[in-house]
């Protein structure tokens, strides 16, 4: 460095700490289009890419046993409620296209994995069910005056009926949780 270096006479750029070590960055999760895994031609017994229904349900049950989210009191209470009222808890988020009826899901039983307010006063959430996760938005009228704002937190299990699904393209889906009017 030059021995004549003087902070008072040099441009302001020399006085700025441009080291990014003090930045605390939060990763942003964005839905991505699904990618296909092609089996290698050298594999003698190729893996089935699309499992049958029985294999799918067995895999879901195995995965649930390993996932602490589905052992929580909130999840157990929600599933007990659905089962006691004659319903069934199915994982619909990973294979959402097969569960859509007129752009809606009849029922979603899921755990809130992330939750944060957005600039419109809504909540941006990530929901997780037995089959996978999906981003979504909880409308401000659901959480507003007399609403469920304090009840919707990370880790809570929720039961929704007639949930609108926004699909900007065939491989991207978002839950749009609104209040029944």
C-alpha atoms as a PDB file:
ATOM      1  CA  UNK A   1       0.000   0.000   0.000  1.00  0.00           C
ATOM      2  CA  UNK A   2       1.201   3.531  -0.709  1.00  0.00           C
ATOM      3  CA  UNK A   3       2.968   5.206   2.223  1.00  0.00           C
ATOM      4  CA  UNK A   4       1.198   8.466   1.339  1.00  0.00           C
ATOM      5  CA  UNK A   5      -2.190   6.863   1.992  1.00  0.00           C
ATOM      6  CA  UNK A   6      -4.411   9.292   3.858  1.00  0.00           C
ATOM      7  CA  UNK A   7      -8.070   8.535   4.588  1.00  0.00           C
ATOM      8  CA  UNK A   8      -9.030  12.179   4.629  1.00  0.00           C
ATOM      9  CA  UNK A   9      -7.849  12.890   1.085  1.00  0.00           C
ATOM     10  CA  UNK A  10      -8.655   9.606  -0.609  1.00  0.00           C
ATOM     11  CA  UNK A  11     -11.948   8.676  -2.233  1.00  0.00           C
ATOM     12  CA  UNK A  12     -14.663   7.388   0.060  1.00  0.00           C
ATOM     13  CA  UNK A  13     -14.484   3.932  -1.521  1.00  0.00           C
ATOM     14  CA  UNK A  14     -11.287   3.155   0.412  1.00  0.00           C
ATOM     15  CA  UNK A  15     -13.095   3.646   3.714  1.00  0.00           C
ATOM     16  CA  UNK A  16     -15.845   1.102   3.022  1.00  0.00           C
ATOM     17  CA  UNK A  17     -15.641  -2.376   4.465  1.00  0.00           C
ATOM     18  CA  UNK A  18     -16.453  -4.528   1.463  1.00  0.00           C
ATOM     19  CA  UNK A  19     -15.955  -7.813   3.241  1.00  0.00           C
ATOM     20  CA  UNK A  20     -19.233  -9.792   3.268  1.00  0.00           C
ATOM     21  CA  UNK A  21     -18.328 -11.848   6.332  1.00  0.00           C
ATOM     22  CA  UNK A  22     -20.640  -9.772   8.530  1.00  0.00           C
ATOM     23  CA  UNK A  23     -23.705 -10.355   6.345  1.00  0.00           C
ATOM     24  CA  UNK A  24     -26.320 -12.766   7.661  1.00  0.00           C
ATOM     25  CA  UNK A  25     -27.963 -14.216   4.606  1.00  0.00           C
ATOM     26  CA  UNK A  26     -31.133 -16.269   4.741  1.00  0.00           C
ATOM     27  CA  UNK A  27     -31.651 -18.768   1.943  1.00  0.00           C
ATOM     28  CA  UNK A  28     -34.763 -18.185  -0.131  1.00  0.00           C
ATOM     29  CA  UNK A  29     -36.732 -21.248  -1.135  1.00  0.00           C
ATOM     30  CA  UNK A  30     -38.407 -21.095  -4.473  1.00  0.00           C
ATOM     31  CA  UNK A  31     -40.393 -23.819  -6.157  1.00  0.00           C
ATOM     32  CA  UNK A  32     -38.577 -25.270  -9.090  1.00  0.00           C
ATOM     33  CA  UNK A  33     -39.792 -27.271 -11.984  1.00  0.00           C
ATOM     34  CA  UNK A  34     -39.418 -30.959 -11.395  1.00  0.00           C
ATOM     35  CA  UNK A  35     -36.469 -32.696 -12.941  1.00  0.00           C
ATOM     36  CA  UNK A  36     -36.489 -36.165 -14.378  1.00  0.00           C
ATOM     37  CA  UNK A  37     -33.941 -38.755 -13.380  1.00  0.00           C
ATOM     38  CA  UNK A  38     -33.025 -41.011 -16.256  1.00  0.00           C
ATOM     39  CA  UNK A  39     -31.852 -44.515 -15.334  1.00  0.00           C
ATOM     40  CA  UNK A  40     -28.387 -45.457 -16.459  1.00  0.00           C
ATOM     41  CA  UNK A  41     -28.320 -47.964 -19.339  1.00  0.00           C
ATOM     42  CA  UNK A  42     -25.743 -49.990 -17.387  1.00  0.00           C
ATOM     43  CA  UNK A  43     -28.240 -50.836 -14.627  1.00  0.00           C
ATOM     44  CA  UNK A  44     -29.472 -54.400 -15.013  1.00  0.00           C
ATOM     45  CA  UNK A  45     -32.616 -53.934 -12.885  1.00  0.00           C
ATOM     46  CA  UNK A  46     -33.850 -50.395 -13.566  1.00  0.00           C
ATOM     47  CA  UNK A  47     -35.786 -48.637 -10.796  1.00  0.00           C
ATOM     48  CA  UNK A  48     -39.448 -47.890 -11.468  1.00  0.00           C
ATOM     49  CA  UNK A  49     -39.773 -44.117 -11.682  1.00  0.00           C
ATOM     50  CA  UNK A  50     -43.540 -44.067 -11.107  1.00  0.00           C
ATOM     51  CA  UNK A  51     -44.475 -46.453  -8.293  1.00  0.00           C
ATOM     52  CA  UNK A  52     -47.846 -48.124  -8.078  1.00  0.00           C
ATOM     53  CA  UNK A  53     -50.388 -46.946  -5.495  1.00  0.00           C
ATOM     54  CA  UNK A  54     -49.570 -49.719  -3.004  1.00  0.00           C
ATOM     55  CA  UNK A  55     -45.832 -48.990  -3.244  1.00  0.00           C
ATOM     56  CA  UNK A  56     -46.494 -45.266  -2.869  1.00  0.00           C
ATOM     57  CA  UNK A  57     -48.601 -45.698   0.272  1.00  0.00           C
ATOM     58  CA  UNK A  58     -46.044 -48.099   1.775  1.00  0.00           C
ATOM     59  CA  UNK A  59     -43.270 -45.554   1.108  1.00  0.00           C
ATOM     60  CA  UNK A  60     -45.354 -42.760   2.690  1.00  0.00           C
ATOM     61  CA  UNK A  61     -45.943 -44.859   5.818  1.00  0.00           C
ATOM     62  CA  UNK A  62     -42.219 -45.706   6.052  1.00  0.00           C
ATOM     63  CA  UNK A  63     -41.242 -42.048   5.635  1.00  0.00           C
ATOM     64  CA  UNK A  64     -43.758 -40.906   8.258  1.00  0.00           C
ATOM     65  CA  UNK A  65     -42.238 -43.238  10.835  1.00  0.00           C
ATOM     66  CA  UNK A  66     -38.860 -41.541  10.320  1.00  0.00           C
ATOM     67  CA  UNK A  67     -40.142 -37.959  10.301  1.00  0.00           C
ATOM     68  CA  UNK A  68     -40.424 -36.192  13.660  1.00  0.00           C
ATOM     69  CA  UNK A  69     -42.975 -33.725  12.229  1.00  0.00           C
ATOM     70  CA  UNK A  70     -45.511 -36.536  12.037  1.00  0.00           C
ATOM     71  CA  UNK A  71     -44.895 -37.584  15.634  1.00  0.00           C
ATOM     72  CA  UNK A  72     -45.817 -34.166  17.057  1.00  0.00           C
ATOM     73  CA  UNK A  73     -48.885 -33.712  19.239  1.00  0.00           C
ATOM     74  CA  UNK A  74     -50.303 -31.234  16.745  1.00  0.00           C
ATOM     75  CA  UNK A  75     -50.137 -33.738  13.875  1.00  0.00           C
ATOM     76  CA  UNK A  76     -51.517 -36.611  15.974  1.00  0.00           C
ATOM     77  CA  UNK A  77     -54.440 -34.458  17.151  1.00  0.00           C
ATOM     78  CA  UNK A  78     -55.254 -33.321  13.609  1.00  0.00           C
ATOM     79  CA  UNK A  79     -55.195 -36.844  12.185  1.00  0.00           C
ATOM     80  CA  UNK A  80     -57.238 -38.207  15.101  1.00  0.00           C
ATOM     81  CA  UNK A  81     -59.858 -35.495  14.472  1.00  0.00           C
ATOM     82  CA  UNK A  82     -60.066 -36.273  10.748  1.00  0.00           C
ATOM     83  CA  UNK A  83     -60.288 -40.027  11.361  1.00  0.00           C
ATOM     84  CA  UNK A  84     -62.905 -39.619  14.124  1.00  0.00           C
ATOM     85  CA  UNK A  85     -65.109 -37.644  11.730  1.00  0.00           C
ATOM     86  CA  UNK A  86     -65.043 -40.314   9.030  1.00  0.00           C
ATOM     87  CA  UNK A  87     -62.270 -38.801   6.929  1.00  0.00           C
ATOM     88  CA  UNK A  88     -58.897 -40.081   5.907  1.00  0.00           C
ATOM     89  CA  UNK A  89     -55.547 -38.349   5.916  1.00  0.00           C
ATOM     90  CA  UNK A  90     -53.828 -38.726   2.565  1.00  0.00           C
ATOM     91  CA  UNK A  91     -50.724 -37.107   1.192  1.00  0.00           C
ATOM     92  CA  UNK A  92     -51.860 -35.004  -1.740  1.00  0.00           C
ATOM     93  CA  UNK A  93     -49.226 -32.289  -2.085  1.00  0.00           C
ATOM     94  CA  UNK A  94     -46.567 -34.198  -4.016  1.00  0.00           C
ATOM     95  CA  UNK A  95     -49.076 -35.572  -6.534  1.00  0.00           C
ATOM     96  CA  UNK A  96     -51.439 -32.607  -6.428  1.00  0.00           C
ATOM     97  CA  UNK A  97     -52.663 -32.938 -10.027  1.00  0.00           C
ATOM     98  CA  UNK A  98     -54.386 -36.232  -9.203  1.00  0.00           C
ATOM     99  CA  UNK A  99     -56.264 -34.704  -6.257  1.00  0.00           C
ATOM    100  CA  UNK A 100     -57.449 -31.471  -7.915  1.00  0.00           C
ATOM    101  CA  UNK A 101     -61.169 -31.062  -8.586  1.00  0.00           C
ATOM    102  CA  UNK A 102     -62.092 -27.812 -10.337  1.00  0.00           C
ATOM    103  CA  UNK A 103     -58.820 -26.222  -9.218  1.00  0.00           C
ATOM    104  CA  UNK A 104     -59.404 -27.102  -5.558  1.00  0.00           C
ATOM    105  CA  UNK A 105     -58.350 -29.736  -3.066  1.00  0.00           C
ATOM    106  CA  UNK A 106     -61.211 -31.191  -1.021  1.00  0.00           C
ATOM    107  CA  UNK A 107     -59.053 -31.459   2.078  1.00  0.00           C
ATOM    108  CA  UNK A 108     -55.504 -30.647   3.110  1.00  0.00           C
ATOM    109  CA  UNK A 109     -54.082 -31.860   6.413  1.00  0.00           C
ATOM    110  CA  UNK A 110     -50.600 -30.408   6.718  1.00  0.00           C
ATOM    111  CA  UNK A 111     -47.975 -29.001   9.055  1.00  0.00           C
ATOM    112  CA  UNK A 112     -46.766 -25.404   8.757  1.00  0.00           C
ATOM    113  CA  UNK A 113     -43.034 -25.607   8.033  1.00  0.00           C
ATOM    114  CA  UNK A 114     -42.438 -21.876   7.503  1.00  0.00           C
ATOM    115  CA  UNK A 115     -44.576 -18.813   7.998  1.00  0.00           C
ATOM    116  CA  UNK A 116     -43.894 -15.117   7.420  1.00  0.00           C
ATOM    117  CA  UNK A 117     -46.008 -12.036   6.692  1.00  0.00           C
ATOM    118  CA  UNK A 118     -45.823 -10.476   3.246  1.00  0.00           C
ATOM    119  CA  UNK A 119     -46.327  -6.879   2.113  1.00  0.00           C
ATOM    120  CA  UNK A 120     -50.026  -7.446   1.374  1.00  0.00           C
ATOM    121  CA  UNK A 121     -50.808  -8.451   4.953  1.00  0.00           C
ATOM    122  CA  UNK A 122     -51.117 -12.133   4.041  1.00  0.00           C
ATOM    123  CA  UNK A 123     -48.976 -14.968   5.387  1.00  0.00           C
ATOM    124  CA  UNK A 124     -46.577 -16.751   3.095  1.00  0.00           C
ATOM    125  CA  UNK A 125     -46.357 -20.366   4.246  1.00  0.00           C
ATOM    126  CA  UNK A 126     -44.791 -23.662   3.353  1.00  0.00           C
ATOM    127  CA  UNK A 127     -47.051 -26.597   4.122  1.00  0.00           C
ATOM    128  CA  UNK A 128     -45.979 -30.237   4.531  1.00  0.00           C
ATOM    129  CA  UNK A 129     -48.145 -33.333   4.380  1.00  0.00           C
ATOM    130  CA  UNK A 130     -47.385 -37.043   4.199  1.00  0.00           C
ATOM    131  CA  UNK A 131     -46.223 -36.787   0.608  1.00  0.00           C
ATOM    132  CA  UNK A 132     -44.277 -33.534   0.359  1.00  0.00           C
ATOM    133  CA  UNK A 133     -44.240 -29.759   0.718  1.00  0.00           C
ATOM    134  CA  UNK A 134     -45.846 -26.885  -1.128  1.00  0.00           C
ATOM    135  CA  UNK A 135     -45.729 -23.094  -0.834  1.00  0.00           C
ATOM    136  CA  UNK A 136     -48.874 -21.140  -0.197  1.00  0.00           C
ATOM    137  CA  UNK A 137     -50.511 -17.958   0.979  1.00  0.00           C
ATOM    138  CA  UNK A 138     -52.972 -17.487   3.829  1.00  0.00           C
ATOM    139  CA  UNK A 139     -55.254 -14.557   2.953  1.00  0.00           C
ATOM    140  CA  UNK A 140     -55.230 -11.585   5.338  1.00  0.00           C
ATOM    141  CA  UNK A 141     -58.944 -12.074   6.130  1.00  0.00           C
ATOM    142  CA  UNK A 142     -58.114 -15.485   7.612  1.00  0.00           C
ATOM    143  CA  UNK A 143     -55.563 -13.974   9.991  1.00  0.00           C
ATOM    144  CA  UNK A 144     -57.040 -10.498  10.498  1.00  0.00           C
ATOM    145  CA  UNK A 145     -59.410  -9.213  13.187  1.00  0.00           C
ATOM    146  CA  UNK A 146     -60.877 -12.177  15.013  1.00  0.00           C
ATOM    147  CA  UNK A 147     -58.927 -14.515  12.752  1.00  0.00           C
ATOM    148  CA  UNK A 148     -56.318 -17.183  13.268  1.00  0.00           C
ATOM    149  CA  UNK A 149     -53.126 -15.112  13.182  1.00  0.00           C
ATOM    150  CA  UNK A 150     -51.852 -16.332  16.558  1.00  0.00           C
ATOM    151  CA  UNK A 151     -52.831 -19.927  15.788  1.00  0.00           C
ATOM    152  CA  UNK A 152     -50.895 -20.271  12.527  1.00  0.00           C
ATOM    153  CA  UNK A 153     -47.283 -20.812  13.545  1.00  0.00           C
ATOM    154  CA  UNK A 154     -44.440 -23.070  12.516  1.00  0.00           C
ATOM    155  CA  UNK A 155     -45.037 -26.648  13.643  1.00  0.00           C
ATOM    156  CA  UNK A 156     -48.814 -26.481  13.934  1.00  0.00           C
ATOM    157  CA  UNK A 157     -50.939 -28.965  11.976  1.00  0.00           C
ATOM    158  CA  UNK A 158     -53.914 -27.506  10.119  1.00  0.00           C
ATOM    159  CA  UNK A 159     -56.950 -28.985   8.421  1.00  0.00           C
ATOM    160  CA  UNK A 160     -58.270 -27.076   5.407  1.00  0.00           C
ATOM    161  CA  UNK A 161     -61.297 -27.776   3.226  1.00  0.00           C
ATOM    162  CA  UNK A 162     -61.845 -26.662  -0.382  1.00  0.00           C
ATOM    163  CA  UNK A 163     -58.392 -25.141  -0.828  1.00  0.00           C
ATOM    164  CA  UNK A 164     -57.837 -23.257  -4.064  1.00  0.00           C
ATOM    165  CA  UNK A 165     -54.650 -24.197  -5.904  1.00  0.00           C
ATOM    166  CA  UNK A 166     -52.929 -21.613  -8.080  1.00  0.00           C
ATOM    167  CA  UNK A 167     -50.902 -23.213 -10.875  1.00  0.00           C
ATOM    168  CA  UNK A 168     -48.970 -20.698 -12.989  1.00  0.00           C
ATOM    169  CA  UNK A 169     -47.638 -23.618 -15.034  1.00  0.00           C
ATOM    170  CA  UNK A 170     -48.201 -27.398 -15.010  1.00  0.00           C
ATOM    171  CA  UNK A 171     -45.295 -28.112 -12.660  1.00  0.00           C
ATOM    172  CA  UNK A 172     -45.752 -25.255 -10.163  1.00  0.00           C
ATOM    173  CA  UNK A 173     -48.548 -25.167  -7.597  1.00  0.00           C
ATOM    174  CA  UNK A 174     -49.375 -22.886  -4.668  1.00  0.00           C
ATOM    175  CA  UNK A 175     -52.078 -23.212  -2.025  1.00  0.00           C
ATOM    176  CA  UNK A 176     -54.349 -20.165  -1.745  1.00  0.00           C
ATOM    177  CA  UNK A 177     -55.961 -20.374   1.693  1.00  0.00           C
ATOM    178  CA  UNK A 178     -58.941 -18.057   2.036  1.00  0.00           C
ATOM    179  CA  UNK A 179     -61.898 -17.624   4.355  1.00  0.00           C
ATOM    180  CA  UNK A 180     -65.217 -19.177   3.378  1.00  0.00           C
ATOM    181  CA  UNK A 181     -67.540 -16.398   2.273  1.00  0.00           C
END
